[in-house]
Amino acid sequence: MDLLSSSYFALFLIIALGFILGSIKIKGISLDVSAVIFIALLFGHYGIVIPPDIQNFGMILFIFTIGIQAGPGFIDSFKSKGRDLAILTTILILSAGAISYLFSLLFGLDSKISTGLLAGALTSTPGLAAAIESTKSSVSSIGYGIAYPFGVIGVILFVKLLPSLFRTDLRLLEEKLEKEQSTQFPALHSKVFRVENVNVIGKTLQDLRVRTMTGANISRILKNQETVVVTRNTVLQEGDVIKAVGTLDALDRVKYLIGEEVDMDLVPNKNYVLESLLVTNKKLINHTLGSLNLWGNYDVTVTRIRRSSVEIAPTPDVQLKFGDKLLVAGHKDDTAEVAKLLGNDAKALSATDFFPIAAGIVLGVICGKISISLGPNFTFTPGLTGGVLLVAIVLSSIGRTGSIMWTMTGSANQLLRQLGLLLFLAGVGTSAGQHIVATFEQYGIMLFLIGAAITLFPMIIAALVGHFIFKMNIFYLLGAITGGMTSTPGLAATDTMTKTNMPTLAYATVYPIALVLLIIVIQILSIL
């Protein structure tokens, strides 16, 4: 059929059919977007192959956007979970190497084949390159080709089934994690208090250091029957009524400092405004709220900060991020000046700057080409995936370089990530599918089963250790397994299973470790 000879027609046909297959649920389980690779395997078997450049383009987009999303939380994730994740990855890679060596002894496999099987079972192209270089033979590519298809499919199916095997309801777990997050970032409330404490009467807010002592902000005050904006020089008098914003604990401290809570609301006068302002001024990114001294310079009070649907208490040490929403109380003229300072440009927030994306990918590709010599017989190269992922994480963690913002909006990230994922799955599926039957006919089923065992058993071992020994939550475990298996399609499968970025953080943490360890294990196996 002439239409199928057109790469772009075949590409979008594979994607469309993949979405149809992925929408089918059996006992609540569906393949979602991962179904694209199964359709692609079928097309590849019949000789319809998506060009490698499209596959690589998709992989670069997917990995770069994953790194950009994971970057801000990567360091915290590594500090809190890095040791357990590193140990789990080491167990996974070493068990994969041990299983490969065991099968090579049992079935008399040549090291050229067994190292290729190991690289294919873990879908690692850098691993294949190490195998070919270490054995001085291209025969490793045969083992790689045999194990690779199940290496792709097996990881996807495993991570899809793992929550069911551990009887974990992902939605309930997400809700639990959201509650834990709300404990970390307690909800902010507002209450009204009457000035009664004789120790505060006649003193200014600056003298009392209310924010430091209580953790709450005073946003307005009722004096002489008129609600006015508080400034640092506002003097508290007996009978004044103030409105404070903070956590419940902070408001309790305000009560002890100021006086009893009263059941009333403070209606602002016409010159008083409470506005939500966006941080879009690139020069302010990573600056602390305290460094702006908005209260001292503009007589305005920041009562809340909203970031990615989470409310954060506006403490002086909070670092501002692009897109933060600040709830600011003050005189309308002063608030207008603060709006200019912060940027408050909704169009800038929704726009996507492609220069940082292009520049970041260029740097990632260059980084992937760097060879690091770790001895006379061992050289480590991050490869395309490792280089792009590493650069994206670093740039996103930095946030800004001069006027260049190394971030993107959530909607832009999601769109580019989904596009990249679809292109990558279509390409890798058709590439693996074109050799799958011929490989079975030439080498039989034995090598395929050995490759499948090298894929499955390390994941089972890692899952059991992570779940029962490290008590790791399922989202970190999914990311650790896919990262330890160096499986980008596996990560893609987990990405459709949850709204949290925990699998991505775990994947980004363990991937470089797995890459280095796998190359070392392959080089050791080649001389045994």
Protein backbone atom coordinates (compact mmCIF):
# COMPACT_ATOMS: atom_id res chain seq x y z
CA MET A 1 0.00 0.00 0.00
CA ASP A 2 1.53 3.29 -1.20
CA LEU A 3 0.30 5.27 1.78
CA LEU A 4 2.16 3.04 4.24
CA SER A 5 5.42 3.72 2.42
CA SER A 6 5.08 7.31 3.60
CA SER A 7 6.82 7.63 6.98
CA TYR A 8 4.60 10.41 8.29
CA PHE A 9 1.38 8.55 7.36
CA ALA A 10 2.60 5.34 8.99
CA LEU A 11 3.76 7.28 12.05
CA PHE A 12 0.39 8.87 12.76
CA LEU A 13 -1.49 5.68 11.89
CA ILE A 14 0.58 3.79 14.48
CA ILE A 15 -0.11 6.51 17.07
CA ALA A 16 -3.86 6.53 16.33
CA LEU A 17 -4.17 2.75 16.52
CA GLY A 18 -2.02 2.75 19.66
CA PHE A 19 -4.42 5.13 21.39
CA ILE A 20 -7.37 2.92 20.43
CA LEU A 21 -5.64 -0.17 21.85
CA GLY A 22 -4.48 1.75 24.92
CA SER A 23 -8.02 2.80 25.80
CA ILE A 24 -9.10 -0.83 26.27
CA LYS A 25 -9.24 -1.84 29.94
CA ILE A 26 -9.11 -5.40 31.24
CA LYS A 27 -9.92 -5.68 34.96
CA GLY A 28 -9.11 -1.99 35.34
CA ILE A 29 -5.68 -2.27 33.70
CA SER A 30 -4.87 -0.59 30.39
CA LEU A 31 -1.68 0.04 28.42
CA ASP A 32 -2.53 3.71 27.84
CA VAL A 33 0.01 5.43 25.58
CA SER A 34 2.43 2.49 25.95
CA ALA A 35 0.18 0.53 23.56
CA VAL A 36 1.76 2.50 20.72
CA ILE A 37 4.87 0.31 20.94
CA PHE A 38 2.86 -2.90 20.44
CA ILE A 39 1.23 -1.53 17.31
CA ALA A 40 4.68 -0.38 16.17
CA LEU A 41 6.12 -3.91 16.68
CA LEU A 42 3.41 -5.28 14.38
CA PHE A 43 4.09 -2.64 11.72
CA GLY A 44 7.84 -3.28 11.99
CA HIS A 45 7.32 -7.00 11.43
CA TYR A 46 5.70 -6.19 8.08
CA GLY A 47 8.59 -3.95 7.04
CA ILE A 48 7.13 -0.56 7.91
CA VAL A 49 9.89 1.27 9.79
CA ILE A 50 9.93 4.80 11.18
CA PRO A 51 13.25 6.55 10.37
CA PRO A 52 15.79 6.51 13.25
CA ASP A 53 16.04 10.32 13.20
CA ILE A 54 12.36 10.59 14.16
CA GLN A 55 12.90 8.08 16.97
CA ASN A 56 15.94 9.99 18.28
CA PHE A 57 14.14 13.32 17.97
CA GLY A 58 11.26 11.96 20.04
CA MET A 59 13.60 10.47 22.63
CA ILE A 60 15.50 13.76 23.02
CA LEU A 61 12.27 15.74 23.50
CA PHE A 62 10.90 13.23 26.01
CA ILE A 63 14.11 12.96 28.06
CA PHE A 64 14.74 16.73 28.04
CA THR A 65 11.25 17.60 29.28
CA ILE A 66 11.47 14.85 31.92
CA GLY A 67 14.76 16.36 33.14
CA ILE A 68 13.32 19.89 33.18
CA GLN A 69 10.39 18.68 35.29
CA ALA A 70 12.56 16.64 37.66
CA GLY A 71 15.37 19.18 38.11
CA PRO A 72 13.96 21.39 40.90
CA GLY A 73 13.22 18.39 43.14
CA PHE A 74 16.19 16.23 42.14
CA ILE A 75 18.60 17.36 44.87
CA ASP A 76 16.00 16.97 47.63
CA SER A 77 15.10 13.53 46.27
CA PHE A 78 18.74 12.45 46.18
CA LYS A 79 19.33 13.67 49.74
CA SER A 80 16.27 11.89 51.14
CA LYS A 81 16.21 8.71 49.03
CA GLY A 82 19.61 8.65 47.28
CA ARG A 83 21.25 5.96 49.42
CA ASP A 84 18.34 3.50 49.19
CA LEU A 85 17.88 4.13 45.48
CA ALA A 86 21.61 3.65 44.80
CA ILE A 87 21.67 0.37 46.75
CA LEU A 88 18.53 -0.88 44.98
CA THR A 89 20.04 -0.03 41.57
CA THR A 90 23.28 -1.82 42.46
CA ILE A 91 21.30 -4.93 43.47
CA LEU A 92 19.34 -4.82 40.20
CA ILE A 93 22.40 -4.46 37.94
CA LEU A 94 24.53 -7.00 39.83
CA SER A 95 21.69 -9.54 39.83
CA ALA A 96 21.24 -9.03 36.08
CA GLY A 97 24.97 -9.63 35.56
CA ALA A 98 24.95 -12.70 37.82
CA ILE A 99 21.93 -14.21 35.99
CA SER A 100 23.62 -13.60 32.62
CA TYR A 101 26.80 -15.30 33.81
CA LEU A 102 24.83 -18.23 35.29
CA PHE A 103 22.99 -18.87 32.02
CA SER A 104 26.21 -18.58 30.01
CA LEU A 105 27.68 -21.40 32.19
CA LEU A 106 24.55 -23.56 32.06
CA PHE A 107 24.06 -23.34 28.29
CA GLY A 108 27.66 -22.82 27.23
CA LEU A 109 27.03 -19.37 25.76
CA ASP A 110 29.92 -17.39 24.38
CA SER A 111 30.63 -14.11 26.22
CA LYS A 112 29.97 -12.26 22.98
CA ILE A 113 26.36 -13.50 23.01
CA SER A 114 25.78 -13.27 26.78
CA THR A 115 26.99 -9.66 27.05
CA GLY A 116 24.72 -8.74 24.13
CA LEU A 117 21.80 -10.48 25.81
CA LEU A 118 22.46 -8.49 29.00
CA ALA A 119 22.60 -5.18 27.12
CA GLY A 120 19.43 -6.01 25.17
CA ALA A 121 17.54 -7.23 28.23
CA LEU A 122 18.22 -3.85 29.85
CA THR A 123 17.63 -1.99 26.53
CA SER A 124 20.99 -0.23 26.90
CA THR A 125 22.63 1.01 23.70
CA PRO A 126 25.71 2.24 25.64
CA GLY A 127 25.83 -1.26 27.14
CA LEU A 128 25.83 -2.78 23.64
CA ALA A 129 28.63 -0.42 22.59
CA ALA A 130 30.63 -1.53 25.66
CA ALA A 131 29.98 -5.20 24.82
CA ILE A 132 31.15 -4.84 21.21
CA GLU A 133 34.22 -2.89 22.32
CA SER A 134 35.10 -5.33 25.14
CA THR A 135 34.62 -8.54 23.10
CA LYS A 136 36.11 -7.03 19.94
CA SER A 137 33.19 -8.55 18.03
CA SER A 138 29.87 -7.45 16.58
CA VAL A 139 28.32 -10.82 17.51
CA SER A 140 27.08 -9.11 20.70
CA SER A 141 24.55 -7.26 18.56
CA ILE A 142 22.84 -10.59 17.81
CA GLY A 143 22.24 -11.24 21.51
CA TYR A 144 21.14 -7.64 21.87
CA GLY A 145 18.64 -7.99 19.03
CA ILE A 146 17.18 -11.17 20.54
CA ALA A 147 16.71 -9.76 24.05
CA TYR A 148 15.79 -6.20 23.15
CA PRO A 149 12.10 -6.65 22.13
CA PHE A 150 11.16 -8.32 25.42
CA GLY A 151 13.44 -5.88 27.23
CA VAL A 152 11.15 -3.12 25.99
CA ILE A 153 7.84 -4.94 26.38
CA GLY A 154 8.71 -6.77 29.61
CA VAL A 155 9.52 -3.61 31.58
CA ILE A 156 6.32 -1.92 30.42
CA LEU A 157 4.16 -4.90 31.41
CA PHE A 158 6.00 -5.32 34.73
CA VAL A 159 5.52 -1.72 35.88
CA LYS A 160 1.90 -1.82 34.75
CA LEU A 161 1.22 -4.96 36.81
CA LEU A 162 3.40 -4.18 39.85
CA PRO A 163 0.81 -2.04 41.72
CA SER A 164 -1.74 -4.86 41.35
CA LEU A 165 0.78 -7.48 42.52
CA PHE A 166 1.43 -5.44 45.68
CA ARG A 167 -2.29 -4.64 45.96
CA THR A 168 -1.61 -0.92 45.89
CA ASP A 169 -4.31 1.54 44.88
CA LEU A 170 -2.36 4.31 43.14
CA ARG A 171 -5.17 6.84 43.49
CA LEU A 172 -5.47 6.28 47.24
CA LEU A 173 -1.70 6.55 47.58
CA GLU A 174 -1.71 9.82 45.64
CA GLU A 175 -4.36 11.18 48.03
CA LYS A 176 -2.26 10.08 51.02
CA LEU A 177 0.82 11.80 49.60
CA GLU A 178 -1.19 14.97 48.97
CA LYS A 179 -2.23 14.96 52.65
CA GLU A 180 1.41 14.52 53.69
CA GLN A 181 2.32 17.41 51.43
CA SER A 182 -0.38 19.54 53.05
CA THR A 183 1.29 18.77 56.40
CA GLN A 184 4.58 19.96 54.98
CA PHE A 185 2.85 23.07 53.61
CA PRO A 186 0.00 23.72 56.09
CA ALA A 187 -3.07 25.55 54.84
CA LEU A 188 -3.19 29.27 55.53
CA HIS A 189 -6.13 30.87 57.36
CA SER A 190 -7.13 34.37 58.41
CA LYS A 191 -8.53 35.55 61.75
CA VAL A 192 -9.38 38.88 63.40
CA PHE A 193 -8.02 39.89 66.83
CA ARG A 194 -8.63 42.81 69.19
CA VAL A 195 -5.56 44.55 70.67
CA GLU A 196 -5.77 43.89 74.43
CA ASN A 197 -2.29 42.89 75.60
CA VAL A 198 -0.82 45.84 77.52
CA ASN A 199 2.68 44.78 76.45
CA VAL A 200 1.99 45.61 72.79
CA ILE A 201 -0.02 48.82 73.24
CA GLY A 202 1.82 51.88 71.99
CA LYS A 203 4.37 49.88 70.02
CA THR A 204 4.87 49.77 66.26
CA LEU A 205 4.62 46.58 64.24
CA GLN A 206 8.31 46.95 63.44
CA ASP A 207 9.12 47.00 67.17
CA LEU A 208 6.95 43.94 67.82
CA ARG A 209 8.41 41.88 64.95
CA VAL A 210 5.07 40.07 64.61
CA ARG A 211 6.16 38.00 61.61
CA THR A 212 9.28 36.72 63.36
CA MET A 213 7.55 36.00 66.68
CA THR A 214 4.38 34.35 65.36
CA GLY A 215 4.93 33.28 61.76
CA ALA A 216 1.80 35.20 60.68
CA ASN A 217 1.34 38.39 58.67
CA ILE A 218 -0.92 41.30 59.66
CA SER A 219 -2.69 42.45 56.54
CA ARG A 220 -4.99 45.28 57.78
CA ILE A 221 -6.10 47.14 60.89
CA LEU A 222 -9.29 48.85 62.07
CA LYS A 223 -8.51 52.21 63.64
CA ASN A 224 -11.09 54.87 64.50
CA GLN A 225 -13.81 52.97 62.64
CA GLU A 226 -11.74 52.86 59.45
CA THR A 227 -9.89 49.91 57.98
CA VAL A 228 -6.46 50.93 56.77
CA VAL A 229 -3.34 49.27 55.43
CA VAL A 230 -0.73 48.38 58.03
CA THR A 231 2.80 49.66 57.64
CA ARG A 232 5.91 48.94 59.66
CA ASN A 233 5.29 52.22 61.54
CA THR A 234 1.68 51.41 62.44
CA VAL A 235 1.22 51.86 66.22
CA LEU A 236 -1.12 49.47 68.03
CA GLN A 237 -3.58 51.05 70.43
CA GLU A 238 -5.97 49.39 72.82
CA GLY A 239 -9.21 48.48 71.05
CA ASP A 240 -7.64 48.35 67.57
CA VAL A 241 -8.69 45.32 65.54
CA ILE A 242 -6.20 43.56 63.27
CA LYS A 243 -6.54 40.85 60.63
CA ALA A 244 -3.76 38.23 60.53
CA VAL A 245 -2.99 35.53 57.94
CA GLY A 246 -1.02 32.36 58.70
CA THR A 247 -1.22 28.72 59.74
CA LEU A 248 -3.49 27.79 62.64
CA ASP A 249 -0.47 27.45 64.93
CA ALA A 250 0.80 30.88 63.85
CA LEU A 251 -2.61 32.44 64.50
CA ASP A 252 -2.68 30.90 67.99
CA ARG A 253 0.60 32.68 68.68
CA VAL A 254 -0.92 35.95 67.43
CA LYS A 255 -3.75 35.49 69.93
CA TYR A 256 -1.29 35.19 72.82
CA LEU A 257 0.69 38.20 71.58
CA ILE A 258 -2.14 40.61 70.64
CA GLY A 259 -5.39 39.63 72.30
CA GLU A 260 -8.60 37.63 71.94
CA GLU A 261 -10.10 36.60 68.60
CA VAL A 262 -13.25 38.48 67.57
CA ASP A 263 -15.99 37.35 65.21
CA MET A 264 -16.05 40.08 62.60
CA ASP A 265 -14.55 40.96 59.26
CA LEU A 266 -12.55 44.03 58.35
CA VAL A 267 -14.04 45.64 55.27
CA PRO A 268 -11.28 47.57 53.49
CA ASN A 269 -11.72 51.14 52.39
CA LYS A 270 -11.67 52.09 48.73
CA ASN A 271 -7.91 52.71 48.71
CA TYR A 272 -7.11 49.30 50.16
CA VAL A 273 -6.70 46.42 47.68
CA LEU A 274 -5.90 42.74 47.91
CA GLU A 275 -4.44 41.56 44.62
CA SER A 276 -2.95 38.37 43.22
CA LEU A 277 0.29 39.19 41.39
CA LEU A 278 2.39 36.91 39.17
CA VAL A 279 6.17 36.68 39.37
CA THR A 280 7.25 36.99 35.73
CA ASN A 281 10.22 39.34 36.12
CA LYS A 282 13.15 37.04 35.28
CA LYS A 283 15.56 39.15 37.34
CA LEU A 284 13.75 38.14 40.54
CA ILE A 285 13.95 34.38 40.03
CA ASN A 286 15.75 32.60 42.92
CA HIS A 287 15.76 35.84 44.97
CA THR A 288 14.31 35.48 48.46
CA LEU A 289 11.10 37.25 49.40
CA GLY A 290 12.92 38.97 52.24
CA SER A 291 15.50 40.48 49.89
CA LEU A 292 12.73 42.45 48.15
CA ASN A 293 11.71 44.06 51.48
CA LEU A 294 8.24 44.78 50.11
CA TRP A 295 6.91 45.88 53.49
CA GLY A 296 9.74 48.34 54.10
CA ASN A 297 9.97 49.67 50.53
CA TYR A 298 6.31 49.68 49.50
CA ASP A 299 4.26 49.30 52.73
CA VAL A 300 2.56 46.20 51.34
CA THR A 301 2.17 42.77 52.92
CA VAL A 302 2.44 39.42 51.14
CA THR A 303 -0.14 37.21 52.84
CA ARG A 304 0.16 34.05 50.73
CA ILE A 305 2.28 32.49 47.98
CA ARG A 306 0.72 29.96 45.63
CA ARG A 307 3.02 27.66 43.66
CA SER A 308 1.79 24.73 41.54
CA SER A 309 -1.51 24.47 43.46
CA VAL A 310 0.31 24.56 46.84
CA GLU A 311 0.00 27.48 49.25
CA ILE A 312 3.29 28.44 50.90
CA ALA A 313 3.69 30.68 53.94
CA PRO A 314 5.48 33.87 52.79
CA THR A 315 8.57 33.59 54.99
CA PRO A 316 11.56 35.85 54.21
CA ASP A 317 13.71 32.89 53.08
CA VAL A 318 11.27 31.64 50.42
CA GLN A 319 12.96 31.72 47.00
CA LEU A 320 10.74 33.13 44.25
CA LYS A 321 10.11 30.97 41.19
CA PHE A 322 8.80 31.93 37.77
CA GLY A 323 5.00 31.78 37.85
CA ASP A 324 4.62 32.15 41.63
CA LYS A 325 1.37 33.90 42.57
CA LEU A 326 1.69 36.37 45.45
CA LEU A 327 -1.40 37.61 47.31
CA VAL A 328 -0.47 41.20 48.19
CA ALA A 329 -2.35 43.57 50.51
CA GLY A 330 -1.76 47.31 50.54
CA HIS A 331 -2.69 50.73 49.22
CA LYS A 332 -3.71 50.53 45.57
CA ASP A 333 -0.88 52.83 44.45
CA ASP A 334 1.74 50.84 46.36
CA THR A 335 0.33 47.55 45.08
CA ALA A 336 0.55 48.85 41.51
CA GLU A 337 4.26 49.56 42.04
CA VAL A 338 4.81 46.05 43.39
CA ALA A 339 3.01 44.64 40.34
CA LYS A 340 5.55 46.41 38.11
CA LEU A 341 8.40 45.03 40.19
CA LEU A 342 7.16 41.42 40.03
CA GLY A 343 6.23 41.59 36.35
CA ASN A 344 2.63 40.36 36.68
CA ASP A 345 2.46 39.51 32.98
CA ALA A 346 0.08 36.61 32.30
CA LYS A 347 1.15 36.48 28.63
CA ALA A 348 4.78 35.92 29.63
CA LEU A 349 3.65 33.04 31.82
CA SER A 350 1.77 31.29 29.00
CA ALA A 351 4.40 31.92 26.30
CA THR A 352 6.99 29.24 25.47
CA ASP A 353 10.54 30.38 24.72
CA PHE A 354 12.13 27.83 22.40
CA PHE A 355 15.67 29.16 22.70
CA PRO A 356 16.33 27.58 26.14
CA ILE A 357 14.86 24.29 24.84
CA ALA A 358 17.06 24.25 21.75
CA ALA A 359 20.16 25.45 23.61
CA GLY A 360 19.62 22.93 26.40
CA ILE A 361 19.27 20.04 23.95
CA VAL A 362 22.42 21.12 22.07
CA LEU A 363 24.36 21.16 25.35
CA GLY A 364 22.89 17.75 26.24
CA VAL A 365 23.93 16.17 22.94
CA ILE A 366 27.46 17.57 23.36
CA CYS A 367 27.59 16.30 26.96
CA GLY A 368 26.55 12.83 25.75
CA LYS A 369 29.61 12.70 23.47
CA ILE A 370 32.11 13.29 26.29
CA SER A 371 34.25 10.25 27.08
CA ILE A 372 35.56 9.88 30.63
CA SER A 373 38.55 7.57 31.07
CA LEU A 374 38.36 5.62 34.33
CA GLY A 375 41.37 3.42 33.69
CA PRO A 376 43.46 1.93 30.87
CA ASN A 377 40.65 -0.40 29.73
CA PHE A 378 37.52 1.47 30.76
CA THR A 379 35.91 4.54 29.23
CA PHE A 380 32.52 5.92 30.21
CA THR A 381 30.31 7.95 27.86
CA PRO A 382 26.91 9.22 29.06
CA GLY A 383 25.39 8.72 25.62
CA LEU A 384 22.55 10.69 24.08
CA THR A 385 19.99 9.84 26.77
CA GLY A 386 22.35 10.35 29.70
CA GLY A 387 23.78 13.61 28.34
CA VAL A 388 20.42 15.25 27.62
CA LEU A 389 18.95 14.08 30.95
CA LEU A 390 21.93 15.31 32.96
CA VAL A 391 22.01 18.74 31.31
CA ALA A 392 18.22 19.19 31.65
CA ILE A 393 18.35 18.37 35.38
CA VAL A 394 21.27 20.75 36.00
CA LEU A 395 19.74 23.63 34.00
CA SER A 396 16.32 23.21 35.60
CA SER A 397 17.93 23.17 39.06
CA ILE A 398 19.76 26.42 38.25
CA GLY A 399 16.51 27.95 37.00
CA ARG A 400 17.95 31.04 35.34
CA THR A 401 21.16 32.20 33.67
CA GLY A 402 21.04 35.94 33.05
CA SER A 403 17.85 36.53 31.08
CA ILE A 404 17.54 32.87 30.02
CA MET A 405 14.93 30.86 31.92
CA TRP A 406 15.67 27.12 31.98
CA THR A 407 12.06 26.27 32.76
CA MET A 408 8.81 25.90 30.86
CA THR A 409 5.15 26.03 31.76
CA GLY A 410 3.43 22.82 32.82
CA SER A 411 1.23 22.75 29.71
CA ALA A 412 4.18 23.26 27.35
CA ASN A 413 6.19 20.58 29.12
CA GLN A 414 3.30 18.12 28.95
CA LEU A 415 2.70 18.75 25.23
CA LEU A 416 6.36 18.36 24.20
CA ARG A 417 6.83 15.35 26.47
CA GLN A 418 3.80 13.55 25.04
CA LEU A 419 4.85 14.34 21.47
CA GLY A 420 8.39 13.12 22.09
CA LEU A 421 7.13 9.98 23.78
CA LEU A 422 4.84 9.04 20.89
CA LEU A 423 7.57 9.56 18.27
CA PHE A 424 10.04 7.55 20.33
CA LEU A 425 7.70 4.60 20.97
CA ALA A 426 6.70 4.41 17.30
CA GLY A 427 10.35 4.44 16.20
CA VAL A 428 11.72 1.96 18.72
CA GLY A 429 8.79 -0.40 18.19
CA THR A 430 9.10 -0.62 14.40
CA SER A 431 12.89 -1.00 14.69
CA ALA A 432 12.59 -3.95 17.09
CA GLY A 433 9.66 -5.49 15.21
CA GLN A 434 11.41 -5.91 11.86
CA HIS A 435 13.85 -8.54 13.23
CA ILE A 436 11.78 -10.31 15.86
CA VAL A 437 10.51 -13.27 13.75
CA ALA A 438 13.77 -13.73 11.84
CA THR A 439 15.67 -13.83 15.10
CA PHE A 440 13.40 -16.56 16.49
CA GLU A 441 13.76 -18.60 13.30
CA GLN A 442 17.55 -18.36 13.29
CA TYR A 443 18.36 -18.79 16.97
CA GLY A 444 15.30 -20.53 18.33
CA ILE A 445 13.38 -19.78 21.47
CA MET A 446 16.14 -20.55 24.00
CA LEU A 447 18.06 -17.28 23.71
CA PHE A 448 14.81 -15.32 23.78
CA LEU A 449 13.79 -17.02 27.04
CA ILE A 450 17.22 -16.36 28.54
CA GLY A 451 16.90 -12.69 27.59
CA ALA A 452 13.41 -12.58 29.10
CA ALA A 453 14.75 -14.10 32.33
CA ILE A 454 17.53 -11.47 32.48
CA THR A 455 14.85 -8.80 32.10
CA LEU A 456 12.34 -10.18 34.61
CA PHE A 457 14.31 -11.67 37.52
CA PRO A 458 16.32 -8.53 38.42
CA MET A 459 13.11 -6.48 38.41
CA ILE A 460 11.40 -9.02 40.68
CA ILE A 461 14.37 -9.00 43.08
CA ALA A 462 14.51 -5.17 43.11
CA ALA A 463 10.75 -4.91 43.63
CA LEU A 464 10.81 -7.29 46.61
CA VAL A 465 13.83 -5.60 48.20
CA GLY A 466 12.43 -2.11 47.63
CA HIS A 467 8.96 -2.97 48.92
CA PHE A 468 9.71 -5.23 51.91
CA ILE A 469 13.16 -4.09 53.05
CA PHE A 470 13.38 -0.39 52.15
CA LYS A 471 9.60 0.13 52.53
CA MET A 472 9.77 2.34 49.46
CA ASN A 473 6.51 3.78 48.17
CA ILE A 474 5.37 2.36 44.85
CA PHE A 475 6.02 5.56 42.86
CA TYR A 476 9.70 5.71 43.86
CA LEU A 477 9.95 1.97 43.28
CA LEU A 478 8.56 2.23 39.74
CA GLY A 479 11.02 5.00 38.90
CA ALA A 480 13.94 3.10 40.45
CA ILE A 481 13.15 -0.06 38.49
CA THR A 482 12.75 1.70 35.14
CA GLY A 483 15.87 3.78 35.77
CA GLY A 484 17.84 0.73 36.91
CA MET A 485 16.74 -1.07 33.75
CA THR A 486 17.73 2.06 31.76
CA SER A 487 14.29 1.80 30.18
CA THR A 488 12.89 5.01 28.70
CA PRO A 489 9.73 3.20 27.47
CA GLY A 490 9.30 1.89 31.04
CA LEU A 491 9.48 5.43 32.39
CA ALA A 492 6.96 6.45 29.76
CA ALA A 493 4.60 3.76 31.06
CA THR A 494 4.90 5.00 34.66
CA ASP A 495 4.38 8.57 33.50
CA THR A 496 0.82 7.67 32.45
CA MET A 497 0.05 5.95 35.76
CA THR A 498 0.33 8.89 38.14
CA LYS A 499 0.14 12.67 38.39
CA THR A 500 3.11 12.81 40.77
CA ASN A 501 6.68 13.26 39.55
CA MET A 502 8.13 10.76 42.05
CA PRO A 503 8.87 8.08 39.39
CA THR A 504 10.67 10.71 37.32
CA LEU A 505 12.77 11.85 40.29
CA ALA A 506 13.74 8.28 41.14
CA TYR A 507 14.52 7.48 37.48
CA ALA A 508 16.72 10.57 37.16
CA THR A 509 18.51 9.66 40.41
CA VAL A 510 19.38 6.06 39.48
CA TYR A 511 19.82 6.25 35.72
CA PRO A 512 23.45 7.52 35.73
CA ILE A 513 24.35 4.94 38.41
CA ALA A 514 22.78 2.12 36.39
CA LEU A 515 24.50 3.25 33.20
CA VAL A 516 27.98 3.17 34.75
CA LEU A 517 27.43 -0.07 36.67
CA LEU A 518 26.06 -1.89 33.61
CA ILE A 519 29.07 -0.96 31.51
CA ILE A 520 31.43 -2.16 34.27
CA VAL A 521 29.51 -5.48 34.63
CA ILE A 522 29.54 -6.05 30.85
CA GLN A 523 33.29 -5.43 30.71
CA ILE A 524 33.84 -7.90 33.56
CA LEU A 525 31.64 -10.56 31.90
CA SER A 526 33.54 -10.19 28.64
CA ILE A 527 36.77 -11.45 30.25
CA LEU A 528 35.27 -14.26 32.35
